């Protein structure tokens, strides 16, 4: 029971942190990309707006 509550808290906080990044709206608008995958992409790419701009 405690573990489920911790997972829920982690998921909520992860979503809040993800929303703080401008590229998150673009990432989560793509089919199949949800909070967890978008966060992983930002971690791997770097998440900076300058980094994302170089790909566009």
N, C-alpha and C. Protein backbone atom coordinates (compact mmCIF):
# COMPACT_ATOMS: atom_id res chain seq x y z
N UNK A 1 0.82 -1.19 0.00
CA UNK A 1 0.00 0.00 0.00
C UNK A 1 0.86 1.25 0.00
N UNK A 2 1.90 1.27 0.80
CA UNK A 2 2.79 2.42 0.87
C UNK A 2 3.51 2.60 -0.46
N UNK A 3 3.92 1.49 -1.04
CA UNK A 3 4.63 1.55 -2.32
C UNK A 3 3.75 2.17 -3.41
N UNK A 4 2.49 1.84 -3.44
CA UNK A 4 1.57 2.40 -4.44
C UNK A 4 1.41 3.90 -4.23
N UNK A 5 1.36 4.34 -3.00
CA UNK A 5 1.25 5.77 -2.71
C UNK A 5 2.51 6.50 -3.15
N UNK A 6 3.66 5.89 -2.92
CA UNK A 6 4.92 6.50 -3.33
C UNK A 6 5.02 6.60 -4.85
N UNK A 7 4.54 5.58 -5.54
CA UNK A 7 4.55 5.61 -7.01
C UNK A 7 3.64 6.71 -7.53
N UNK A 8 2.48 6.86 -6.91
CA UNK A 8 1.55 7.91 -7.31
C UNK A 8 2.13 9.30 -7.09
N UNK A 9 2.80 9.48 -5.98
CA UNK A 9 3.44 10.76 -5.69
C UNK A 9 4.56 11.04 -6.68
N UNK A 10 5.35 10.02 -6.98
CA UNK A 10 6.43 10.16 -7.95
C UNK A 10 5.89 10.51 -9.33
N UNK A 11 4.83 9.85 -9.74
CA UNK A 11 4.23 10.12 -11.06
C UNK A 11 3.70 11.55 -11.13
N UNK A 12 3.06 12.00 -10.07
CA UNK A 12 2.52 13.36 -10.06
C UNK A 12 3.65 14.39 -10.11
N UNK A 13 4.67 14.18 -9.32
CA UNK A 13 5.81 15.12 -9.29
C UNK A 13 6.56 15.11 -10.63
N UNK A 14 6.71 13.95 -11.23
CA UNK A 14 7.37 13.85 -12.53
C UNK A 14 6.61 14.64 -13.58
N UNK A 15 5.30 14.55 -13.55
CA UNK A 15 4.48 15.30 -14.48
C UNK A 15 4.63 16.79 -14.30
N UNK A 16 4.69 17.24 -13.06
CA UNK A 16 4.88 18.66 -12.77
C UNK A 16 6.22 19.15 -13.29
N UNK A 17 7.26 18.39 -13.05
CA UNK A 17 8.60 18.78 -13.50
C UNK A 17 8.69 18.78 -15.02
N UNK A 18 8.04 17.82 -15.65
CA UNK A 18 8.06 17.75 -17.11
C UNK A 18 7.38 18.96 -17.72
N UNK A 19 6.27 19.39 -17.14
CA UNK A 19 5.53 20.54 -17.66
C UNK A 19 6.34 21.82 -17.59
N UNK A 20 7.37 21.86 -16.76
CA UNK A 20 8.21 23.06 -16.63
C UNK A 20 9.12 23.26 -17.84
N UNK A 21 9.30 22.25 -18.66
CA UNK A 21 10.17 22.35 -19.83
C UNK A 21 9.35 22.67 -21.07
N UNK A 22 9.74 23.72 -21.81
CA UNK A 22 8.98 24.08 -23.02
C UNK A 22 8.82 22.94 -24.04
N UNK A 23 9.84 22.11 -24.27
CA UNK A 23 9.65 21.04 -25.27
C UNK A 23 8.67 19.95 -24.84
N UNK A 24 8.26 19.95 -23.59
CA UNK A 24 7.38 18.87 -23.12
C UNK A 24 6.04 18.87 -23.84
N UNK A 25 5.53 20.05 -24.18
CA UNK A 25 4.24 20.11 -24.88
C UNK A 25 4.34 19.47 -26.25
N UNK A 26 5.45 19.68 -26.92
CA UNK A 26 5.64 19.08 -28.24
C UNK A 26 5.79 17.56 -28.10
N UNK A 27 6.60 17.14 -27.14
CA UNK A 27 6.84 15.71 -26.96
C UNK A 27 5.57 14.96 -26.61
N UNK A 28 4.81 15.47 -25.64
CA UNK A 28 3.61 14.75 -25.20
C UNK A 28 2.47 14.84 -26.20
N UNK A 29 2.60 15.72 -27.21
CA UNK A 29 1.56 15.77 -28.24
C UNK A 29 1.76 14.68 -29.29
N UNK A 30 2.91 14.04 -29.29
CA UNK A 30 3.19 12.97 -30.25
C UNK A 30 2.50 11.68 -29.81
N UNK A 31 1.94 10.94 -30.76
CA UNK A 31 1.28 9.69 -30.41
C UNK A 31 2.24 8.72 -29.71
N UNK A 32 1.80 8.15 -28.62
CA UNK A 32 2.59 7.16 -27.89
C UNK A 32 3.59 7.73 -26.92
N UNK A 33 3.75 9.06 -26.88
CA UNK A 33 4.69 9.68 -25.96
C UNK A 33 3.90 10.22 -24.78
N UNK A 34 4.11 9.61 -23.63
CA UNK A 34 3.46 10.08 -22.41
C UNK A 34 4.52 10.63 -21.47
N UNK A 35 4.16 10.90 -20.24
CA UNK A 35 5.06 11.56 -19.30
C UNK A 35 6.38 10.82 -19.14
N UNK A 36 6.32 9.54 -18.93
CA UNK A 36 7.55 8.78 -18.67
C UNK A 36 8.50 8.80 -19.89
N UNK A 37 7.95 8.59 -21.07
CA UNK A 37 8.78 8.58 -22.28
C UNK A 37 9.31 9.98 -22.59
N UNK A 38 8.48 11.00 -22.43
CA UNK A 38 8.92 12.36 -22.66
C UNK A 38 10.04 12.74 -21.70
N UNK A 39 9.93 12.35 -20.45
CA UNK A 39 10.98 12.63 -19.48
C UNK A 39 12.28 11.93 -19.89
N UNK A 40 12.18 10.70 -20.34
CA UNK A 40 13.37 9.96 -20.77
C UNK A 40 14.03 10.64 -21.98
N UNK A 41 13.22 11.13 -22.90
CA UNK A 41 13.77 11.84 -24.06
C UNK A 41 14.50 13.10 -23.62
N UNK A 42 13.89 13.86 -22.72
CA UNK A 42 14.54 15.08 -22.24
C UNK A 42 15.83 14.77 -21.50
N UNK A 43 15.86 13.69 -20.76
CA UNK A 43 17.09 13.30 -20.06
C UNK A 43 18.17 12.94 -21.07
N UNK A 44 17.82 12.15 -22.07
CA UNK A 44 18.81 11.70 -23.06
C UNK A 44 19.32 12.82 -23.96
N UNK A 45 18.40 13.71 -24.37
CA UNK A 45 18.77 14.79 -25.29
C UNK A 45 19.38 15.96 -24.53
N UNK A 46 18.96 16.16 -23.31
CA UNK A 46 19.48 17.26 -22.53
C UNK A 46 18.41 18.20 -22.05
N UNK A 47 17.32 18.30 -22.78
CA UNK A 47 16.17 19.08 -22.33
C UNK A 47 16.31 20.58 -22.48
N UNK A 48 17.47 21.09 -22.92
CA UNK A 48 17.62 22.53 -23.09
C UNK A 48 16.95 23.00 -24.36
N UNK A 49 16.38 24.19 -24.35
CA UNK A 49 15.70 24.68 -25.54
C UNK A 49 16.67 24.89 -26.69
N UNK A 50 17.93 25.21 -26.39
CA UNK A 50 18.93 25.37 -27.45
C UNK A 50 19.21 24.03 -28.12
N UNK A 51 19.23 22.96 -27.34
CA UNK A 51 19.47 21.63 -27.89
C UNK A 51 18.33 21.20 -28.81
N UNK A 52 17.11 21.42 -28.37
CA UNK A 52 15.95 21.03 -29.17
C UNK A 52 15.87 21.89 -30.43
N UNK A 53 16.22 23.16 -30.32
CA UNK A 53 16.16 24.06 -31.48
C UNK A 53 17.12 23.65 -32.58
N UNK A 54 18.23 23.02 -32.23
CA UNK A 54 19.19 22.63 -33.25
C UNK A 54 18.66 21.49 -34.11
N UNK A 55 17.69 20.73 -33.60
CA UNK A 55 17.12 19.63 -34.39
C UNK A 55 16.00 20.11 -35.29
N UNK A 56 15.46 21.30 -35.03
CA UNK A 56 14.29 21.76 -35.78
C UNK A 56 14.65 22.59 -36.88
